[in-house]
Amino acid sequence: MARRALAVPAPAGPLRLRSELVRTLASLDGEIERALARSALASEEIHDVHRDLRRLASGMAVWGHLVPASQKTVVAEAARRLRRLARLVGRVRDRDVTAELFASAARTPAGANGGDPWQDFLGRLRDDRQTGRELLLAFLRSERQAGLFDRARSLLALNPRADAGRGLHRILADERRLRQGRVRKAHRKARRRPSSERLHRLRIRIRQWRHLSTLELAARATSSHPPPTTWQRLQSRLGRLHDLDIALGTVPPELTSEAPVRRLRDRRRELRRSVTAALEQIASRPQRATARARLGVRR
């Protein structure tokens, strides 16, 4: 009597990961479709598109390790294109935030802020903001017509390898150790010399760790290991500090004494002190912070 071949069940972890990425892609595609239909992008929509692009690119990079070897390079290329698009959206978001910061700081009557040079500067900010939005819409339309999102959808439809379940556990664990190590290294450098560049790098490293913990939670292949709350609060402060650095970096030399600029500089100085104190606070209890991260304990 012939023995019936047993069906090999699909690995659950990779399938859960795929479901999460498909949901992210559907949300992103809907956001872009609505924006293109209106030929407009609101600030909150730019933020959502930026977030979803980063999450999707990060997830696709992991997905590329789980598909058949013949498709690995193709998935990696799609992830690279998504990251490139996310960087472009990020630059447009920076222009948005810069214009909003100066609008919130300039609370004095028109004409009291230095006259025409100041108003010309604000006008250039508004023009740059609008130009950035128009270029972004054109780029989103181009990538959509070129099939980037359809390609990502077809790659996510690939069946993961039979050994992908065990592979996913190892990949996520290795990647987590790598990202935690990068956070600790960036923290040491920022603590020694808290330059804008080093603080921004630390913010990126914490964000990358958080993205990975989201994938771990979705796949349930390992216990989720999010950064401790201390790191997450620090990332939020670093984000606000980076926004102020970007905004103040746009001011021409002849306008640095304007009242709104001085207010933003004061705000940045206060926030930088807060960030420096947080860096020292984390450094004073590295054993505890590391243990909490390893165990996935939330404070």
C-alpha atoms as a PDB file:
ATOM      1  CA  MET A   1       0.000   0.000   0.000  1.00  0.00           C
ATOM      2  CA  ALA A   2       1.454   3.307  -1.070  1.00  0.00           C
ATOM      3  CA  ARG A   3       2.179   5.746   1.746  1.00  0.00           C
ATOM      4  CA  ARG A   4       0.449   9.097   1.349  1.00  0.00           C
ATOM      5  CA  ALA A   5       2.847  12.039   1.332  1.00  0.00           C
ATOM      6  CA  LEU A   6       2.352  14.367   4.258  1.00  0.00           C
ATOM      7  CA  ALA A   7       1.729  18.013   3.421  1.00  0.00           C
ATOM      8  CA  VAL A   8       4.357  20.331   4.830  1.00  0.00           C
ATOM      9  CA  PRO A   9       2.580  23.097   6.767  1.00  0.00           C
ATOM     10  CA  ALA A  10       3.548  26.637   5.901  1.00  0.00           C
ATOM     11  CA  PRO A  11       5.736  28.213   8.602  1.00  0.00           C
ATOM     12  CA  ALA A  12       3.476  30.297  10.832  1.00  0.00           C
ATOM     13  CA  GLY A  13       5.947  33.034  11.806  1.00  0.00           C
ATOM     14  CA  PRO A  14       6.796  34.099   8.254  1.00  0.00           C
ATOM     15  CA  LEU A  15       3.123  34.060   7.284  1.00  0.00           C
ATOM     16  CA  ARG A  16       2.242  36.341  10.208  1.00  0.00           C
ATOM     17  CA  LEU A  17       5.094  38.625   9.214  1.00  0.00           C
ATOM     18  CA  ARG A  18       3.806  38.681   5.642  1.00  0.00           C
ATOM     19  CA  SER A  19       0.297  39.577   6.823  1.00  0.00           C
ATOM     20  CA  GLU A  20       1.682  42.539   8.754  1.00  0.00           C
ATOM     21  CA  LEU A  21       3.659  43.755   5.728  1.00  0.00           C
ATOM     22  CA  VAL A  22       0.651  43.327   3.425  1.00  0.00           C
ATOM     23  CA  ARG A  23      -1.427  45.473   5.802  1.00  0.00           C
ATOM     24  CA  THR A  24       1.270  48.143   5.867  1.00  0.00           C
ATOM     25  CA  LEU A  25       1.496  48.108   2.073  1.00  0.00           C
ATOM     26  CA  ALA A  26      -2.286  48.386   1.712  1.00  0.00           C
ATOM     27  CA  SER A  27      -2.356  51.361   4.098  1.00  0.00           C
ATOM     28  CA  LEU A  28       0.522  53.032   2.241  1.00  0.00           C
ATOM     29  CA  ASP A  29      -1.008  52.432  -1.176  1.00  0.00           C
ATOM     30  CA  GLY A  30      -4.324  53.887  -0.024  1.00  0.00           C
ATOM     31  CA  GLU A  31      -2.644  56.992   1.398  1.00  0.00           C
ATOM     32  CA  ILE A  32      -0.770  57.597  -1.853  1.00  0.00           C
ATOM     33  CA  GLU A  33      -3.823  56.942  -4.031  1.00  0.00           C
ATOM     34  CA  ARG A  34      -5.903  59.489  -2.106  1.00  0.00           C
ATOM     35  CA  ALA A  35      -3.107  62.065  -2.255  1.00  0.00           C
ATOM     36  CA  LEU A  36      -2.665  61.638  -6.007  1.00  0.00           C
ATOM     37  CA  ALA A  37      -6.418  61.887  -6.587  1.00  0.00           C
ATOM     38  CA  ARG A  38      -6.469  65.265  -4.791  1.00  0.00           C
ATOM     39  CA  SER A  39      -3.019  66.348  -6.027  1.00  0.00           C
ATOM     40  CA  ALA A  40      -2.322  67.369  -2.446  1.00  0.00           C
ATOM     41  CA  LEU A  41      -0.575  66.068   0.662  1.00  0.00           C
ATOM     42  CA  ALA A  42      -1.382  67.292   4.156  1.00  0.00           C
ATOM     43  CA  SER A  43       1.341  67.370   6.812  1.00  0.00           C
ATOM     44  CA  GLU A  44      -0.134  64.407   8.685  1.00  0.00           C
ATOM     45  CA  GLU A  45      -0.325  62.422   5.441  1.00  0.00           C
ATOM     46  CA  ILE A  46       3.352  63.071   4.739  1.00  0.00           C
ATOM     47  CA  HIS A  47       4.117  61.809   8.245  1.00  0.00           C
ATOM     48  CA  ASP A  48       2.032  58.640   7.716  1.00  0.00           C
ATOM     49  CA  VAL A  49       3.565  57.907   4.302  1.00  0.00           C
ATOM     50  CA  HIS A  50       7.060  58.410   5.731  1.00  0.00           C
ATOM     51  CA  ARG A  51       6.358  56.047   8.637  1.00  0.00           C
ATOM     52  CA  ASP A  52       4.792  53.319   6.496  1.00  0.00           C
ATOM     53  CA  LEU A  53       7.564  53.467   3.896  1.00  0.00           C
ATOM     54  CA  ARG A  54      10.226  52.983   6.591  1.00  0.00           C
ATOM     55  CA  ARG A  55       8.330  50.103   8.173  1.00  0.00           C
ATOM     56  CA  LEU A  56       7.710  48.419   4.836  1.00  0.00           C
ATOM     57  CA  ALA A  57      11.337  48.773   3.728  1.00  0.00           C
ATOM     58  CA  SER A  58      12.562  47.338   7.038  1.00  0.00           C
ATOM     59  CA  GLY A  59      10.139  44.424   6.800  1.00  0.00           C
ATOM     60  CA  MET A  60      10.955  43.695   3.160  1.00  0.00           C
ATOM     61  CA  ALA A  61      14.639  43.469   4.076  1.00  0.00           C
ATOM     62  CA  VAL A  62      13.767  40.673   6.539  1.00  0.00           C
ATOM     63  CA  TRP A  63      11.349  39.041   4.089  1.00  0.00           C
ATOM     64  CA  GLY A  64      14.163  38.759   1.565  1.00  0.00           C
ATOM     65  CA  HIS A  65      15.895  36.238   3.863  1.00  0.00           C
ATOM     66  CA  LEU A  66      12.827  33.974   3.925  1.00  0.00           C
ATOM     67  CA  VAL A  67      11.955  33.613   0.241  1.00  0.00           C
ATOM     68  CA  PRO A  68      13.610  31.226  -2.259  1.00  0.00           C
ATOM     69  CA  ALA A  69      17.229  32.154  -2.984  1.00  0.00           C
ATOM     70  CA  SER A  70      16.407  33.056  -6.595  1.00  0.00           C
ATOM     71  CA  GLN A  71      14.168  35.922  -5.368  1.00  0.00           C
ATOM     72  CA  LYS A  72      16.382  37.291  -2.606  1.00  0.00           C
ATOM     73  CA  THR A  73      18.105  39.903  -4.781  1.00  0.00           C
ATOM     74  CA  VAL A  74      14.788  41.059  -6.248  1.00  0.00           C
ATOM     75  CA  VAL A  75      13.305  41.611  -2.785  1.00  0.00           C
ATOM     76  CA  ALA A  76      16.438  43.468  -1.679  1.00  0.00           C
ATOM     77  CA  GLU A  77      16.135  45.811  -4.679  1.00  0.00           C
ATOM     78  CA  ALA A  78      12.490  46.561  -3.838  1.00  0.00           C
ATOM     79  CA  ALA A  79      13.491  47.326  -0.240  1.00  0.00           C
ATOM     80  CA  ARG A  80      16.228  49.655  -1.516  1.00  0.00           C
ATOM     81  CA  ARG A  81      13.748  51.572  -3.700  1.00  0.00           C
ATOM     82  CA  LEU A  82      11.360  51.906  -0.757  1.00  0.00           C
ATOM     83  CA  ARG A  83      14.147  53.287   1.443  1.00  0.00           C
ATOM     84  CA  ARG A  84      15.097  55.785  -1.259  1.00  0.00           C
ATOM     85  CA  LEU A  85      11.495  56.948  -1.497  1.00  0.00           C
ATOM     86  CA  ALA A  86      11.294  57.211   2.305  1.00  0.00           C
ATOM     87  CA  ARG A  87      14.353  59.491   2.316  1.00  0.00           C
ATOM     88  CA  LEU A  88      12.693  61.784  -0.229  1.00  0.00           C
ATOM     89  CA  VAL A  89       9.499  61.931   1.837  1.00  0.00           C
ATOM     90  CA  GLY A  90      11.636  62.661   4.898  1.00  0.00           C
ATOM     91  CA  ARG A  91      13.206  65.691   3.206  1.00  0.00           C
ATOM     92  CA  VAL A  92       9.774  67.052   2.323  1.00  0.00           C
ATOM     93  CA  ARG A  93       8.648  66.475   5.915  1.00  0.00           C
ATOM     94  CA  ASP A  94      11.691  68.465   7.105  1.00  0.00           C
ATOM     95  CA  ARG A  95      10.559  71.436   5.005  1.00  0.00           C
ATOM     96  CA  ASP A  96       7.079  71.141   6.467  1.00  0.00           C
ATOM     97  CA  VAL A  97       8.357  71.094  10.021  1.00  0.00           C
ATOM     98  CA  THR A  98      10.726  74.014   9.377  1.00  0.00           C
ATOM     99  CA  ALA A  99       7.907  76.189   8.062  1.00  0.00           C
ATOM    100  CA  GLU A 100       5.649  75.211  10.974  1.00  0.00           C
ATOM    101  CA  LEU A 101       8.337  75.904  13.588  1.00  0.00           C
ATOM    102  CA  PHE A 102       8.967  79.415  12.274  1.00  0.00           C
ATOM    103  CA  ALA A 103       5.231  80.045  11.975  1.00  0.00           C
ATOM    104  CA  SER A 104       4.777  79.069  15.636  1.00  0.00           C
ATOM    105  CA  ALA A 105       7.776  81.169  16.739  1.00  0.00           C
ATOM    106  CA  ALA A 106       6.794  84.296  14.764  1.00  0.00           C
ATOM    107  CA  ARG A 107       3.955  85.517  16.961  1.00  0.00           C
ATOM    108  CA  THR A 108       4.717  89.229  16.618  1.00  0.00           C
ATOM    109  CA  PRO A 109       2.885  91.583  14.214  1.00  0.00           C
ATOM    110  CA  ALA A 110       3.993  91.773  10.607  1.00  0.00           C
ATOM    111  CA  GLY A 111       6.769  94.265  10.092  1.00  0.00           C
ATOM    112  CA  ALA A 112       8.147  93.860  13.648  1.00  0.00           C
ATOM    113  CA  ASN A 113      10.373  90.954  12.667  1.00  0.00           C
ATOM    114  CA  GLY A 114      12.932  92.832  10.611  1.00  0.00           C
ATOM    115  CA  GLY A 115      11.001  94.063   7.589  1.00  0.00           C
ATOM    116  CA  ASP A 116      11.323  92.809   4.039  1.00  0.00           C
ATOM    117  CA  PRO A 117      14.331  90.460   4.460  1.00  0.00           C
ATOM    118  CA  TRP A 118      12.480  88.489   7.121  1.00  0.00           C
ATOM    119  CA  GLN A 119       9.252  88.347   5.119  1.00  0.00           C
ATOM    120  CA  ASP A 120      11.239  87.293   2.043  1.00  0.00           C
ATOM    121  CA  PHE A 121      12.769  84.467   4.072  1.00  0.00           C
ATOM    122  CA  LEU A 122       9.341  83.257   5.245  1.00  0.00           C
ATOM    123  CA  GLY A 123       8.108  83.462   1.664  1.00  0.00           C
ATOM    124  CA  ARG A 124      11.005  81.295   0.479  1.00  0.00           C
ATOM    125  CA  LEU A 125      10.144  78.737   3.162  1.00  0.00           C
ATOM    126  CA  ARG A 126       6.547  78.621   1.951  1.00  0.00           C
ATOM    127  CA  ASP A 127       7.670  78.289  -1.659  1.00  0.00           C
ATOM    128  CA  ASP A 128      10.144  75.526  -0.809  1.00  0.00           C
ATOM    129  CA  ARG A 129       7.438  73.709   1.113  1.00  0.00           C
ATOM    130  CA  GLN A 130       5.037  73.848  -1.818  1.00  0.00           C
ATOM    131  CA  THR A 131       7.711  72.894  -4.360  1.00  0.00           C
ATOM    132  CA  GLY A 132       8.724  69.932  -2.222  1.00  0.00           C
ATOM    133  CA  ARG A 133       5.135  68.704  -2.083  1.00  0.00           C
ATOM    134  CA  GLU A 134       4.727  68.998  -5.856  1.00  0.00           C
ATOM    135  CA  LEU A 135       7.960  67.130  -6.540  1.00  0.00           C
ATOM    136  CA  LEU A 136       7.013  64.444  -4.039  1.00  0.00           C
ATOM    137  CA  LEU A 137       3.619  63.923  -5.662  1.00  0.00           C
ATOM    138  CA  ALA A 138       5.311  63.606  -9.053  1.00  0.00           C
ATOM    139  CA  PHE A 139       7.804  61.099  -7.677  1.00  0.00           C
ATOM    140  CA  LEU A 140       5.097  59.063  -5.944  1.00  0.00           C
ATOM    141  CA  ARG A 141       3.080  58.986  -9.165  1.00  0.00           C
ATOM    142  CA  SER A 142       6.175  57.913 -11.129  1.00  0.00           C
ATOM    143  CA  GLU A 143       7.040  55.091  -8.724  1.00  0.00           C
ATOM    144  CA  ARG A 144       3.433  53.925  -8.643  1.00  0.00           C
ATOM    145  CA  GLN A 145       3.203  53.891 -12.435  1.00  0.00           C
ATOM    146  CA  ALA A 146       6.560  52.092 -12.588  1.00  0.00           C
ATOM    147  CA  GLY A 147       4.985  49.322 -10.509  1.00  0.00           C
ATOM    148  CA  LEU A 148       6.984  49.641  -7.276  1.00  0.00           C
ATOM    149  CA  PHE A 149       4.043  48.880  -5.019  1.00  0.00           C
ATOM    150  CA  ASP A 150       2.627  46.188  -7.332  1.00  0.00           C
ATOM    151  CA  ARG A 151       6.081  44.611  -7.346  1.00  0.00           C
ATOM    152  CA  ALA A 152       6.248  44.669  -3.558  1.00  0.00           C
ATOM    153  CA  ARG A 153       2.793  43.079  -3.399  1.00  0.00           C
ATOM    154  CA  SER A 154       3.826  40.252  -5.747  1.00  0.00           C
ATOM    155  CA  LEU A 155       7.021  39.625  -3.768  1.00  0.00           C
ATOM    156  CA  LEU A 156       5.052  39.392  -0.545  1.00  0.00           C
ATOM    157  CA  ALA A 157       2.850  36.775  -2.239  1.00  0.00           C
ATOM    158  CA  LEU A 158       5.838  34.438  -2.619  1.00  0.00           C
ATOM    159  CA  ASN A 159       5.742  31.306  -0.503  1.00  0.00           C
ATOM    160  CA  PRO A 160       8.424  31.341   2.204  1.00  0.00           C
ATOM    161  CA  ARG A 161      10.920  28.489   2.257  1.00  0.00           C
ATOM    162  CA  ALA A 162      10.051  25.402   4.297  1.00  0.00           C
ATOM    163  CA  ASP A 163      12.809  26.216   6.784  1.00  0.00           C
ATOM    164  CA  ALA A 164      11.822  29.880   7.012  1.00  0.00           C
ATOM    165  CA  GLY A 165      10.225  29.506  10.450  1.00  0.00           C
ATOM    166  CA  ARG A 166      13.487  28.493  12.103  1.00  0.00           C
ATOM    167  CA  GLY A 167      15.364  30.950   9.908  1.00  0.00           C
ATOM    168  CA  LEU A 168      13.130  33.848  10.963  1.00  0.00           C
ATOM    169  CA  HIS A 169      13.803  33.189  14.647  1.00  0.00           C
ATOM    170  CA  ARG A 170      17.559  33.288  14.044  1.00  0.00           C
ATOM    171  CA  ILE A 171      17.429  36.310  11.710  1.00  0.00           C
ATOM    172  CA  LEU A 172      15.385  38.404  14.139  1.00  0.00           C
ATOM    173  CA  ALA A 173      17.520  37.413  17.128  1.00  0.00           C
ATOM    174  CA  ASP A 174      20.753  38.223  15.256  1.00  0.00           C
ATOM    175  CA  GLU A 175      19.343  41.481  13.926  1.00  0.00           C
ATOM    176  CA  ARG A 176      18.166  42.500  17.391  1.00  0.00           C
ATOM    177  CA  ARG A 177      21.608  41.952  18.881  1.00  0.00           C
ATOM    178  CA  LEU A 178      23.112  43.954  16.022  1.00  0.00           C
ATOM    179  CA  ARG A 179      20.706  46.871  16.463  1.00  0.00           C
ATOM    180  CA  GLN A 180      21.038  46.933  20.234  1.00  0.00           C
ATOM    181  CA  GLY A 181      24.817  47.033  19.804  1.00  0.00           C
ATOM    182  CA  ARG A 182      24.504  49.937  17.370  1.00  0.00           C
ATOM    183  CA  VAL A 183      22.324  51.835  19.834  1.00  0.00           C
ATOM    184  CA  ARG A 184      24.849  51.355  22.641  1.00  0.00           C
ATOM    185  CA  LYS A 185      27.735  52.415  20.378  1.00  0.00           C
ATOM    186  CA  ALA A 186      25.859  55.512  19.160  1.00  0.00           C
ATOM    187  CA  HIS A 187      24.993  56.349  22.766  1.00  0.00           C
ATOM    188  CA  ARG A 188      28.626  56.180  23.864  1.00  0.00           C
ATOM    189  CA  LYS A 189      29.705  58.479  21.026  1.00  0.00           C
ATOM    190  CA  ALA A 190      26.877  60.964  21.629  1.00  0.00           C
ATOM    191  CA  ARG A 191      27.627  61.048  25.347  1.00  0.00           C
ATOM    192  CA  ARG A 192      31.308  61.814  24.721  1.00  0.00           C
ATOM    193  CA  ARG A 193      30.552  64.544  22.174  1.00  0.00           C
ATOM    194  CA  PRO A 194      26.846  65.339  21.691  1.00  0.00           C
ATOM    195  CA  SER A 195      27.116  66.911  18.233  1.00  0.00           C
ATOM    196  CA  SER A 196      23.981  67.268  16.111  1.00  0.00           C
ATOM    197  CA  GLU A 197      25.239  64.542  13.785  1.00  0.00           C
ATOM    198  CA  ARG A 198      25.900  62.062  16.596  1.00  0.00           C
ATOM    199  CA  LEU A 199      22.585  62.746  18.303  1.00  0.00           C
ATOM    200  CA  HIS A 200      20.747  62.284  15.018  1.00  0.00           C
ATOM    201  CA  ARG A 201      22.577  58.990  14.458  1.00  0.00           C
ATOM    202  CA  LEU A 202      21.512  57.797  17.905  1.00  0.00           C
ATOM    203  CA  ARG A 203      17.912  58.680  17.102  1.00  0.00           C
ATOM    204  CA  ILE A 204      18.053  56.634  13.888  1.00  0.00           C
ATOM    205  CA  ARG A 205      19.558  53.645  15.714  1.00  0.00           C
ATOM    206  CA  ILE A 206      16.822  53.669  18.363  1.00  0.00           C
ATOM    207  CA  ARG A 207      14.161  53.954  15.659  1.00  0.00           C
ATOM    208  CA  GLN A 208      15.623  50.981  13.775  1.00  0.00           C
ATOM    209  CA  TRP A 209      15.503  48.907  16.953  1.00  0.00           C
ATOM    210  CA  ARG A 210      11.840  49.873  17.441  1.00  0.00           C
ATOM    211  CA  HIS A 211      11.010  48.884  13.863  1.00  0.00           C
ATOM    212  CA  LEU A 212      12.532  45.465  14.448  1.00  0.00           C
ATOM    213  CA  SER A 213      10.568  44.933  17.662  1.00  0.00           C
ATOM    214  CA  THR A 214       7.381  45.656  15.686  1.00  0.00           C
ATOM    215  CA  LEU A 215       8.314  42.896  13.225  1.00  0.00           C
ATOM    216  CA  GLU A 216       9.086  40.517  16.095  1.00  0.00           C
ATOM    217  CA  LEU A 217       5.714  41.217  17.643  1.00  0.00           C
ATOM    218  CA  ALA A 218       3.911  40.691  14.323  1.00  0.00           C
ATOM    219  CA  ALA A 219       5.704  37.413  13.528  1.00  0.00           C
ATOM    220  CA  ARG A 220       5.640  36.099  17.105  1.00  0.00           C
ATOM    221  CA  ALA A 221       8.708  34.083  16.110  1.00  0.00           C
ATOM    222  CA  THR A 222      10.529  35.361  19.198  1.00  0.00           C
ATOM    223  CA  SER A 223       9.535  37.413  22.203  1.00  0.00           C
ATOM    224  CA  SER A 224       9.313  41.064  21.282  1.00  0.00           C
ATOM    225  CA  HIS A 225      12.249  43.070  22.634  1.00  0.00           C
ATOM    226  CA  PRO A 226      11.332  46.757  22.321  1.00  0.00           C
ATOM    227  CA  PRO A 227      13.709  49.444  23.549  1.00  0.00           C
ATOM    228  CA  PRO A 228      13.038  50.366  27.184  1.00  0.00           C
ATOM    229  CA  THR A 229      10.795  53.360  27.750  1.00  0.00           C
ATOM    230  CA  THR A 230      13.878  55.416  28.629  1.00  0.00           C
ATOM    231  CA  TRP A 231      15.228  54.952  25.108  1.00  0.00           C
ATOM    232  CA  GLN A 232      11.843  55.650  23.524  1.00  0.00           C
ATOM    233  CA  ARG A 233      11.469  58.939  25.393  1.00  0.00           C
ATOM    234  CA  LEU A 234      14.999  59.866  24.363  1.00  0.00           C
ATOM    235  CA  GLN A 235      14.170  59.153  20.712  1.00  0.00           C
ATOM    236  CA  SER A 236      11.201  61.520  20.917  1.00  0.00           C
ATOM    237  CA  ARG A 237      13.374  64.313  22.343  1.00  0.00           C
ATOM    238  CA  LEU A 238      16.057  63.674  19.754  1.00  0.00           C
ATOM    239  CA  GLY A 239      13.444  63.959  17.008  1.00  0.00           C
ATOM    240  CA  ARG A 240      12.331  67.388  18.245  1.00  0.00           C
ATOM    241  CA  LEU A 241      15.964  68.464  18.580  1.00  0.00           C
ATOM    242  CA  HIS A 242      16.719  67.355  15.012  1.00  0.00           C
ATOM    243  CA  ASP A 243      13.735  69.344  13.728  1.00  0.00           C
ATOM    244  CA  LEU A 244      15.089  72.469  15.430  1.00  0.00           C
ATOM    245  CA  ASP A 245      18.570  71.842  14.021  1.00  0.00           C
ATOM    246  CA  ILE A 246      17.140  71.556  10.500  1.00  0.00           C
ATOM    247  CA  ALA A 247      15.017  74.689  10.891  1.00  0.00           C
ATOM    248  CA  LEU A 248      17.798  76.852  12.320  1.00  0.00           C
ATOM    249  CA  GLY A 249      20.157  75.625   9.623  1.00  0.00           C
ATOM    250  CA  THR A 250      17.997  77.344   6.990  1.00  0.00           C
ATOM    251  CA  VAL A 251      18.374  80.838   8.477  1.00  0.00           C
ATOM    252  CA  PRO A 252      20.665  83.176   6.480  1.00  0.00           C
ATOM    253  CA  PRO A 253      23.368  84.971   8.529  1.00  0.00           C
ATOM    254  CA  GLU A 254      21.713  88.380   8.273  1.00  0.00           C
ATOM    255  CA  LEU A 255      18.556  87.100  10.017  1.00  0.00           C
ATOM    256  CA  THR A 256      20.081  85.213  12.951  1.00  0.00           C
ATOM    257  CA  SER A 257      19.181  88.017  15.386  1.00  0.00           C
ATOM    258  CA  GLU A 258      15.470  87.969  14.547  1.00  0.00           C
ATOM    259  CA  ALA A 259      13.138  87.299  17.495  1.00  0.00           C
ATOM    260  CA  PRO A 260      11.651  84.024  16.125  1.00  0.00           C
ATOM    261  CA  VAL A 261      15.149  82.691  15.478  1.00  0.00           C
ATOM    262  CA  ARG A 262      16.224  83.586  19.005  1.00  0.00           C
ATOM    263  CA  ARG A 263      13.161  81.842  20.412  1.00  0.00           C
ATOM    264  CA  LEU A 264      13.902  78.657  18.485  1.00  0.00           C
ATOM    265  CA  ARG A 265      17.554  78.793  19.586  1.00  0.00           C
ATOM    266  CA  ASP A 266      16.433  79.101  23.215  1.00  0.00           C
ATOM    267  CA  ARG A 267      14.085  76.163  22.738  1.00  0.00           C
ATOM    268  CA  ARG A 268      16.894  74.120  21.198  1.00  0.00           C
ATOM    269  CA  ARG A 269      19.292  75.019  24.014  1.00  0.00           C
ATOM    270  CA  GLU A 270      16.775  73.877  26.637  1.00  0.00           C
ATOM    271  CA  LEU A 271      16.020  70.660  24.763  1.00  0.00           C
ATOM    272  CA  ARG A 272      19.704  69.896  24.295  1.00  0.00           C
ATOM    273  CA  ARG A 273      20.230  70.179  28.071  1.00  0.00           C
ATOM    274  CA  SER A 274      17.368  67.740  28.577  1.00  0.00           C
ATOM    275  CA  VAL A 275      18.874  65.313  26.046  1.00  0.00           C
ATOM    276  CA  THR A 276      22.329  65.544  27.648  1.00  0.00           C
ATOM    277  CA  ALA A 277      20.831  64.749  31.044  1.00  0.00           C
ATOM    278  CA  ALA A 278      18.982  61.753  29.561  1.00  0.00           C
ATOM    279  CA  LEU A 279      22.213  60.443  28.012  1.00  0.00           C
ATOM    280  CA  GLU A 280      23.897  60.583  31.412  1.00  0.00           C
ATOM    281  CA  GLN A 281      20.904  58.987  33.106  1.00  0.00           C
ATOM    282  CA  ILE A 282      21.045  56.010  30.766  1.00  0.00           C
ATOM    283  CA  ALA A 283      24.814  55.756  31.189  1.00  0.00           C
ATOM    284  CA  SER A 284      24.439  55.608  34.974  1.00  0.00           C
ATOM    285  CA  ARG A 285      22.496  52.342  34.807  1.00  0.00           C
ATOM    286  CA  PRO A 286      23.675  50.425  31.722  1.00  0.00           C
ATOM    287  CA  GLN A 287      23.258  47.014  33.364  1.00  0.00           C
ATOM    288  CA  ARG A 288      19.630  47.667  34.177  1.00  0.00           C
ATOM    289  CA  ALA A 289      18.831  49.117  30.751  1.00  0.00           C
ATOM    290  CA  THR A 290      20.503  46.204  28.962  1.00  0.00           C
ATOM    291  CA  ALA A 291      18.705  43.632  31.093  1.00  0.00           C
ATOM    292  CA  ARG A 292      15.344  45.253  30.519  1.00  0.00           C
ATOM    293  CA  ALA A 293      15.942  45.315  26.765  1.00  0.00           C
ATOM    294  CA  ARG A 294      17.038  41.677  26.749  1.00  0.00           C
ATOM    295  CA  LEU A 295      13.955  40.556  28.675  1.00  0.00           C
ATOM    296  CA  GLY A 296      11.573  42.782  26.776  1.00  0.00           C
ATOM    297  CA  VAL A 297      10.347  44.404  30.005  1.00  0.00           C
ATOM    298  CA  ARG A 298       8.469  47.669  29.663  1.00  0.00           C
ATOM    299  CA  ARG A 299       8.739  50.303  32.354  1.00  0.00           C
END
